[in-house]
Amino acid sequence: MSSVGVHLEKTVSMSEEIRFKRKHSKSIAKLSKKYRFSMQEMECIFLMYYKIQKCSAAQIAVTKKQIHELLHCAFDITDESSVDRICVSIFTSIGEHITIEEFVKLLAVFLRAPLEEKQKHCYKCYTTISFDVNISRDVMFNALKNSVISPAADDDSEEAVRDFIEIVQKKMDFDRDGKISYDDFKRNVSQNPLLSQFLGQCLPCRLAVHSFLTTFTKNRGRL
């Protein structure tokens, strides 16, 4: 797929592409303004959705399973717990399918969101799946419990994770209320942006973002 040239998606016939873009022209214009994509970029994104949809069994809409595969292959997010967090955070649709706007929203967060919006996304990834409005010790433990590999007993591994959580808590909990609020999180990330994903991947790396943008736009920024 390329935005250079008229025919944006080679697996769709020219006439089919024209009908598709005409049918969704109002939605393309509306979402282009809402999600920081140009009209041509949004046309490409709509055609991506359509192409993926056509590969699904029922061809009704893109499935969440297909999005999992997209995150694995296109954005190099391979950890299943990370993929689940991202999907729960962004998608509100009940069932196995996602809407085209949810697809656009996912790409907007990954490709065009400013720093503060990315911070909110990461924080939501950590809290939504646990139904907790703050990052508590339990949230941190569930996210980090598989990150320590110890040849000793499982109890020793759990203790090592809890010790690490204690260190993180002391560093990031500015108001000392026993949990990391969004204000705490935002303050930490402003001092060290790497802390935005301290409990696991929520965003693709810069190389993956640049590579994906290359497939449909020249407006891809610097690597």
C-alpha atoms as a PDB file:
ATOM      1  CA  MET A   1       0.000   0.000   0.000  1.00  0.00           C
ATOM      2  CA  SER A   2       1.241   3.453  -0.810  1.00  0.00           C
ATOM      3  CA  SER A   3      -0.153   6.954  -0.805  1.00  0.00           C
ATOM      4  CA  VAL A   4       2.057   7.712  -3.805  1.00  0.00           C
ATOM      5  CA  GLY A   5      -0.134   7.153  -6.847  1.00  0.00           C
ATOM      6  CA  VAL A   6      -3.850   6.932  -7.337  1.00  0.00           C
ATOM      7  CA  HIS A   7      -4.598   3.306  -6.584  1.00  0.00           C
ATOM      8  CA  LEU A   8      -4.054   2.961  -2.844  1.00  0.00           C
ATOM      9  CA  GLU A   9      -4.803  -0.735  -2.349  1.00  0.00           C
ATOM     10  CA  LYS A  10      -3.818  -3.253  -5.007  1.00  0.00           C
ATOM     11  CA  THR A  11      -5.918  -6.096  -3.571  1.00  0.00           C
ATOM     12  CA  VAL A  12      -9.073  -4.048  -4.202  1.00  0.00           C
ATOM     13  CA  SER A  13     -10.179  -3.280  -7.740  1.00  0.00           C
ATOM     14  CA  MET A  14     -10.195   0.318  -8.887  1.00  0.00           C
ATOM     15  CA  SER A  15     -13.986   0.429  -9.178  1.00  0.00           C
ATOM     16  CA  GLU A  16     -14.430  -1.207  -5.778  1.00  0.00           C
ATOM     17  CA  GLU A  17     -12.047   1.299  -4.207  1.00  0.00           C
ATOM     18  CA  ILE A  18     -13.914   4.253  -5.738  1.00  0.00           C
ATOM     19  CA  ARG A  19     -17.274   2.921  -4.481  1.00  0.00           C
ATOM     20  CA  PHE A  20     -15.833   2.298  -1.036  1.00  0.00           C
ATOM     21  CA  LYS A  21     -14.341   5.788  -0.700  1.00  0.00           C
ATOM     22  CA  ARG A  22     -17.525   7.400  -1.996  1.00  0.00           C
ATOM     23  CA  LYS A  23     -19.635   5.425   0.460  1.00  0.00           C
ATOM     24  CA  HIS A  24     -17.470   6.438   3.426  1.00  0.00           C
ATOM     25  CA  SER A  25     -16.496   9.952   2.306  1.00  0.00           C
ATOM     26  CA  LYS A  26     -18.310  11.711   5.166  1.00  0.00           C
ATOM     27  CA  SER A  27     -16.794   9.411   7.795  1.00  0.00           C
ATOM     28  CA  ILE A  28     -13.338   9.804   6.261  1.00  0.00           C
ATOM     29  CA  ALA A  29     -13.614  13.601   6.420  1.00  0.00           C
ATOM     30  CA  LYS A  30     -14.993  13.557   9.975  1.00  0.00           C
ATOM     31  CA  LEU A  31     -12.375  11.182  11.391  1.00  0.00           C
ATOM     32  CA  SER A  32      -9.575  12.935   9.520  1.00  0.00           C
ATOM     33  CA  LYS A  33     -10.287  16.099  11.504  1.00  0.00           C
ATOM     34  CA  LYS A  34     -10.729  14.208  14.767  1.00  0.00           C
ATOM     35  CA  TYR A  35      -7.602  12.017  14.685  1.00  0.00           C
ATOM     36  CA  ARG A  36      -4.791  14.124  13.106  1.00  0.00           C
ATOM     37  CA  PHE A  37      -4.627  12.327   9.757  1.00  0.00           C
ATOM     38  CA  SER A  38      -4.853  13.962   6.347  1.00  0.00           C
ATOM     39  CA  MET A  39      -7.746  13.029   4.075  1.00  0.00           C
ATOM     40  CA  GLN A  40      -5.472  10.883   1.914  1.00  0.00           C
ATOM     41  CA  GLU A  41      -4.002   9.147   4.963  1.00  0.00           C
ATOM     42  CA  MET A  42      -7.488   8.482   6.326  1.00  0.00           C
ATOM     43  CA  GLU A  43      -8.555   7.016   2.989  1.00  0.00           C
ATOM     44  CA  CYS A  44      -5.588   4.638   3.226  1.00  0.00           C
ATOM     45  CA  ILE A  45      -6.518   3.684   6.800  1.00  0.00           C
ATOM     46  CA  PHE A  46     -10.132   3.008   5.804  1.00  0.00           C
ATOM     47  CA  LEU A  47      -8.883   0.830   2.951  1.00  0.00           C
ATOM     48  CA  MET A  48      -6.587  -1.027   5.369  1.00  0.00           C
ATOM     49  CA  TYR A  49      -9.605  -1.788   7.544  1.00  0.00           C
ATOM     50  CA  TYR A  50     -11.576  -2.905   4.507  1.00  0.00           C
ATOM     51  CA  LYS A  51      -8.777  -5.167   3.319  1.00  0.00           C
ATOM     52  CA  ILE A  52      -8.393  -6.790   6.752  1.00  0.00           C
ATOM     53  CA  GLN A  53     -12.170  -7.146   7.001  1.00  0.00           C
ATOM     54  CA  LYS A  54     -12.271  -8.990   3.672  1.00  0.00           C
ATOM     55  CA  CYS A  55      -9.762 -11.498   5.073  1.00  0.00           C
ATOM     56  CA  SER A  56     -12.024 -12.367   8.024  1.00  0.00           C
ATOM     57  CA  ALA A  57     -14.272 -15.398   7.843  1.00  0.00           C
ATOM     58  CA  ALA A  58     -17.585 -13.547   7.930  1.00  0.00           C
ATOM     59  CA  GLN A  59     -16.269 -10.372   6.224  1.00  0.00           C
ATOM     60  CA  ILE A  60     -18.563  -8.319   8.494  1.00  0.00           C
ATOM     61  CA  ALA A  61     -15.915  -6.314  10.331  1.00  0.00           C
ATOM     62  CA  VAL A  62     -12.334  -6.604  11.524  1.00  0.00           C
ATOM     63  CA  THR A  63     -12.020  -9.060  14.388  1.00  0.00           C
ATOM     64  CA  LYS A  64     -10.079  -8.559  17.600  1.00  0.00           C
ATOM     65  CA  LYS A  65      -8.077 -11.663  16.727  1.00  0.00           C
ATOM     66  CA  GLN A  66      -6.963  -9.951  13.518  1.00  0.00           C
ATOM     67  CA  ILE A  67      -5.921  -6.900  15.544  1.00  0.00           C
ATOM     68  CA  HIS A  68      -3.832  -9.164  17.782  1.00  0.00           C
ATOM     69  CA  GLU A  69      -2.070 -10.416  14.649  1.00  0.00           C
ATOM     70  CA  LEU A  70      -1.594  -6.837  13.410  1.00  0.00           C
ATOM     71  CA  LEU A  71       0.009  -5.813  16.710  1.00  0.00           C
ATOM     72  CA  HIS A  72       2.311  -8.844  16.540  1.00  0.00           C
ATOM     73  CA  CYS A  73       3.369  -8.514  12.908  1.00  0.00           C
ATOM     74  CA  ALA A  74       3.180  -4.807  12.112  1.00  0.00           C
ATOM     75  CA  PHE A  75       4.052  -3.246  15.466  1.00  0.00           C
ATOM     76  CA  ASP A  76       6.226  -5.939  17.047  1.00  0.00           C
ATOM     77  CA  ILE A  77       4.095  -6.119  20.197  1.00  0.00           C
ATOM     78  CA  THR A  78       4.336  -9.844  20.876  1.00  0.00           C
ATOM     79  CA  ASP A  79       3.591 -10.173  24.584  1.00  0.00           C
ATOM     80  CA  GLU A  80      -0.006 -11.372  24.910  1.00  0.00           C
ATOM     81  CA  SER A  81      -0.640  -9.545  28.185  1.00  0.00           C
ATOM     82  CA  SER A  82       0.516  -6.290  26.549  1.00  0.00           C
ATOM     83  CA  VAL A  83      -1.752  -6.898  23.552  1.00  0.00           C
ATOM     84  CA  ASP A  84      -4.694  -7.607  25.859  1.00  0.00           C
ATOM     85  CA  ARG A  85      -4.070  -4.413  27.841  1.00  0.00           C
ATOM     86  CA  ILE A  86      -3.952  -2.306  24.686  1.00  0.00           C
ATOM     87  CA  CYS A  87      -7.136  -3.809  23.274  1.00  0.00           C
ATOM     88  CA  VAL A  88      -9.103  -3.475  26.516  1.00  0.00           C
ATOM     89  CA  SER A  89      -7.936   0.120  26.859  1.00  0.00           C
ATOM     90  CA  ILE A  90      -8.891   1.273  23.352  1.00  0.00           C
ATOM     91  CA  PHE A  91     -11.764  -0.926  22.192  1.00  0.00           C
ATOM     92  CA  THR A  92     -15.215  -0.547  23.731  1.00  0.00           C
ATOM     93  CA  SER A  93     -17.067  -2.867  21.361  1.00  0.00           C
ATOM     94  CA  ILE A  94     -18.544  -5.963  22.973  1.00  0.00           C
ATOM     95  CA  GLY A  95     -17.925  -9.171  21.084  1.00  0.00           C
ATOM     96  CA  GLU A  96     -15.293 -10.269  18.610  1.00  0.00           C
ATOM     97  CA  HIS A  97     -15.391  -7.312  16.178  1.00  0.00           C
ATOM     98  CA  ILE A  98     -14.161  -3.719  16.287  1.00  0.00           C
ATOM     99  CA  THR A  99     -15.567  -0.693  14.491  1.00  0.00           C
ATOM    100  CA  ILE A 100     -13.651   1.273  11.890  1.00  0.00           C
ATOM    101  CA  GLU A 101     -13.381   4.243  14.280  1.00  0.00           C
ATOM    102  CA  GLU A 102     -11.795   2.018  16.925  1.00  0.00           C
ATOM    103  CA  PHE A 103      -9.271   0.917  14.310  1.00  0.00           C
ATOM    104  CA  VAL A 104      -8.528   4.558  13.477  1.00  0.00           C
ATOM    105  CA  LYS A 105      -8.229   5.407  17.177  1.00  0.00           C
ATOM    106  CA  LEU A 106      -5.686   2.618  17.690  1.00  0.00           C
ATOM    107  CA  LEU A 107      -3.533   3.881  14.827  1.00  0.00           C
ATOM    108  CA  ALA A 108      -3.916   7.497  15.971  1.00  0.00           C
ATOM    109  CA  VAL A 109      -2.584   6.628  19.441  1.00  0.00           C
ATOM    110  CA  PHE A 110       0.314   4.661  17.981  1.00  0.00           C
ATOM    111  CA  LEU A 111       1.240   6.982  15.122  1.00  0.00           C
ATOM    112  CA  ARG A 112       0.126  10.545  15.810  1.00  0.00           C
ATOM    113  CA  ALA A 113      -0.730  11.064  19.480  1.00  0.00           C
ATOM    114  CA  PRO A 114       1.150  13.792  21.383  1.00  0.00           C
ATOM    115  CA  LEU A 115       3.090  12.876  24.516  1.00  0.00           C
ATOM    116  CA  GLU A 116       0.320  13.593  27.012  1.00  0.00           C
ATOM    117  CA  GLU A 117      -2.178  11.467  25.088  1.00  0.00           C
ATOM    118  CA  LYS A 118       0.320   8.614  24.997  1.00  0.00           C
ATOM    119  CA  GLN A 119       0.807   8.987  28.764  1.00  0.00           C
ATOM    120  CA  LYS A 120      -2.938   8.709  29.329  1.00  0.00           C
ATOM    121  CA  HIS A 121      -3.062   5.658  27.057  1.00  0.00           C
ATOM    122  CA  CYS A 122      -0.286   3.878  28.977  1.00  0.00           C
ATOM    123  CA  TYR A 123      -1.845   4.680  32.348  1.00  0.00           C
ATOM    124  CA  LYS A 124      -5.225   3.444  31.138  1.00  0.00           C
ATOM    125  CA  CYS A 125      -3.643   0.224  29.860  1.00  0.00           C
ATOM    126  CA  TYR A 126      -2.355  -0.507  33.361  1.00  0.00           C
ATOM    127  CA  THR A 127      -5.554   0.376  35.214  1.00  0.00           C
ATOM    128  CA  THR A 128      -8.444  -0.616  32.911  1.00  0.00           C
ATOM    129  CA  ILE A 129      -7.776  -4.341  32.885  1.00  0.00           C
ATOM    130  CA  SER A 130      -7.681  -4.402  36.707  1.00  0.00           C
ATOM    131  CA  PHE A 131     -10.750  -2.153  37.099  1.00  0.00           C
ATOM    132  CA  ASP A 132      -8.713   0.118  39.369  1.00  0.00           C
ATOM    133  CA  VAL A 133      -8.485   3.872  38.833  1.00  0.00           C
ATOM    134  CA  ASN A 134      -4.980   3.942  40.310  1.00  0.00           C
ATOM    135  CA  ILE A 135      -1.871   1.811  39.918  1.00  0.00           C
ATOM    136  CA  SER A 136      -1.953  -0.116  43.179  1.00  0.00           C
ATOM    137  CA  ARG A 137       0.529  -2.658  44.491  1.00  0.00           C
ATOM    138  CA  ASP A 138      -1.741  -5.450  43.232  1.00  0.00           C
ATOM    139  CA  VAL A 139      -1.770  -3.930  39.743  1.00  0.00           C
ATOM    140  CA  MET A 140       2.035  -3.761  39.766  1.00  0.00           C
ATOM    141  CA  PHE A 141       2.368  -7.291  41.101  1.00  0.00           C
ATOM    142  CA  ASN A 142       0.090  -8.753  38.414  1.00  0.00           C
ATOM    143  CA  ALA A 143       2.062  -6.911  35.732  1.00  0.00           C
ATOM    144  CA  LEU A 144       5.505  -7.867  37.064  1.00  0.00           C
ATOM    145  CA  LYS A 145       5.000 -11.320  38.580  1.00  0.00           C
ATOM    146  CA  ASN A 146       6.383 -13.106  35.512  1.00  0.00           C
ATOM    147  CA  SER A 147       9.326 -10.756  35.064  1.00  0.00           C
ATOM    148  CA  VAL A 148      11.526 -12.374  37.729  1.00  0.00           C
ATOM    149  CA  ILE A 149      12.934 -15.807  36.938  1.00  0.00           C
ATOM    150  CA  SER A 150      14.462 -17.532  39.927  1.00  0.00           C
ATOM    151  CA  PRO A 151      15.884 -21.056  40.264  1.00  0.00           C
ATOM    152  CA  ALA A 152      14.707 -21.011  43.863  1.00  0.00           C
ATOM    153  CA  ALA A 153      11.173 -21.531  45.148  1.00  0.00           C
ATOM    154  CA  ASP A 154       8.222 -19.581  43.783  1.00  0.00           C
ATOM    155  CA  ASP A 155       7.933 -17.821  47.117  1.00  0.00           C
ATOM    156  CA  ASP A 156      11.406 -16.352  46.585  1.00  0.00           C
ATOM    157  CA  SER A 157      10.390 -15.041  43.152  1.00  0.00           C
ATOM    158  CA  GLU A 158       7.269 -13.444  44.576  1.00  0.00           C
ATOM    159  CA  GLU A 159       9.289 -11.857  47.346  1.00  0.00           C
ATOM    160  CA  ALA A 160      11.747 -10.440  44.801  1.00  0.00           C
ATOM    161  CA  VAL A 161       8.856  -8.902  42.850  1.00  0.00           C
ATOM    162  CA  ARG A 162       7.392  -7.394  46.027  1.00  0.00           C
ATOM    163  CA  ASP A 163      10.792  -5.938  46.954  1.00  0.00           C
ATOM    164  CA  PHE A 164      11.022  -4.364  43.504  1.00  0.00           C
ATOM    165  CA  ILE A 165       7.495  -2.969  43.849  1.00  0.00           C
ATOM    166  CA  GLU A 166       8.520  -1.385  47.139  1.00  0.00           C
ATOM    167  CA  ILE A 167      11.383   0.407  45.377  1.00  0.00           C
ATOM    168  CA  VAL A 168       9.081   1.572  42.561  1.00  0.00           C
ATOM    169  CA  GLN A 169       6.480   2.739  45.055  1.00  0.00           C
ATOM    170  CA  LYS A 170       8.988   4.860  46.954  1.00  0.00           C
ATOM    171  CA  LYS A 171      10.208   6.473  43.737  1.00  0.00           C
ATOM    172  CA  MET A 172       6.896   7.128  41.992  1.00  0.00           C
ATOM    173  CA  ASP A 173       4.349   7.693  44.773  1.00  0.00           C
ATOM    174  CA  PHE A 174       4.966  11.390  45.401  1.00  0.00           C
ATOM    175  CA  ASP A 175       2.037  11.964  47.764  1.00  0.00           C
ATOM    176  CA  ARG A 176       2.749   8.765  49.749  1.00  0.00           C
ATOM    177  CA  ASP A 177      -0.837   7.494  49.672  1.00  0.00           C
ATOM    178  CA  GLY A 178       0.178   3.905  48.860  1.00  0.00           C
ATOM    179  CA  LYS A 179      -0.776   4.026  45.170  1.00  0.00           C
ATOM    180  CA  ILE A 180       0.382   5.705  41.977  1.00  0.00           C
ATOM    181  CA  SER A 181      -2.262   8.154  40.796  1.00  0.00           C
ATOM    182  CA  TYR A 182      -2.285   9.649  37.314  1.00  0.00           C
ATOM    183  CA  ASP A 183      -0.749  12.838  38.730  1.00  0.00           C
ATOM    184  CA  ASP A 184       2.100  10.771  40.220  1.00  0.00           C
ATOM    185  CA  PHE A 185       2.518   8.916  36.938  1.00  0.00           C
ATOM    186  CA  LYS A 186       2.493  12.078  34.825  1.00  0.00           C
ATOM    187  CA  ARG A 187       5.055  13.768  37.070  1.00  0.00           C
ATOM    188  CA  ASN A 188       7.397  10.780  36.849  1.00  0.00           C
ATOM    189  CA  VAL A 189       7.051  10.477  33.077  1.00  0.00           C
ATOM    190  CA  SER A 190       7.740  14.188  32.601  1.00  0.00           C
ATOM    191  CA  GLN A 191      11.073  13.625  34.379  1.00  0.00           C
ATOM    192  CA  ASN A 192      11.833  10.321  32.647  1.00  0.00           C
ATOM    193  CA  PRO A 193       9.705   9.420  29.573  1.00  0.00           C
ATOM    194  CA  LEU A 194      10.893   5.794  29.719  1.00  0.00           C
ATOM    195  CA  LEU A 195       8.736   5.332  32.836  1.00  0.00           C
ATOM    196  CA  SER A 196       5.592   5.648  30.693  1.00  0.00           C
ATOM    197  CA  GLN A 197       5.822   1.888  30.021  1.00  0.00           C
ATOM    198  CA  PHE A 198       7.335   0.737  33.300  1.00  0.00           C
ATOM    199  CA  LEU A 199       4.796  -2.074  33.717  1.00  0.00           C
ATOM    200  CA  GLY A 200       5.023  -3.428  30.186  1.00  0.00           C
ATOM    201  CA  GLN A 201       4.732  -2.383  26.569  1.00  0.00           C
ATOM    202  CA  CYS A 202       1.763  -0.212  25.620  1.00  0.00           C
ATOM    203  CA  LEU A 203       3.163   1.467  22.502  1.00  0.00           C
ATOM    204  CA  PRO A 204       5.201   0.290  19.511  1.00  0.00           C
ATOM    205  CA  CYS A 205       8.862   1.245  19.239  1.00  0.00           C
ATOM    206  CA  ARG A 206       9.903   4.144  16.988  1.00  0.00           C
ATOM    207  CA  LEU A 207      11.243   1.795  14.305  1.00  0.00           C
ATOM    208  CA  ALA A 208       7.925  -0.064  14.092  1.00  0.00           C
ATOM    209  CA  VAL A 209       6.010   3.224  13.896  1.00  0.00           C
ATOM    210  CA  HIS A 210       8.276   4.559  11.149  1.00  0.00           C
ATOM    211  CA  SER A 211       8.055   1.299   9.171  1.00  0.00           C
ATOM    212  CA  PHE A 212       4.260   1.246   9.383  1.00  0.00           C
ATOM    213  CA  LEU A 213       3.905   4.890   8.354  1.00  0.00           C
ATOM    214  CA  THR A 214       6.145   4.198   5.366  1.00  0.00           C
ATOM    215  CA  THR A 215       3.479   1.858   3.965  1.00  0.00           C
ATOM    216  CA  PHE A 216       0.923   4.610   3.394  1.00  0.00           C
ATOM    217  CA  THR A 217       2.299   8.136   3.880  1.00  0.00           C
ATOM    218  CA  LYS A 218       5.312  10.348   3.305  1.00  0.00           C
ATOM    219  CA  ASN A 219       4.527  12.243   6.499  1.00  0.00           C
ATOM    220  CA  ARG A 220       6.384   9.904   8.819  1.00  0.00           C
ATOM    221  CA  GLY A 221       8.768  12.205  10.675  1.00  0.00           C
ATOM    222  CA  ARG A 222      12.294  11.331  11.655  1.00  0.00           C
ATOM    223  CA  LEU A 223      13.333   7.899  12.844  1.00  0.00           C
END
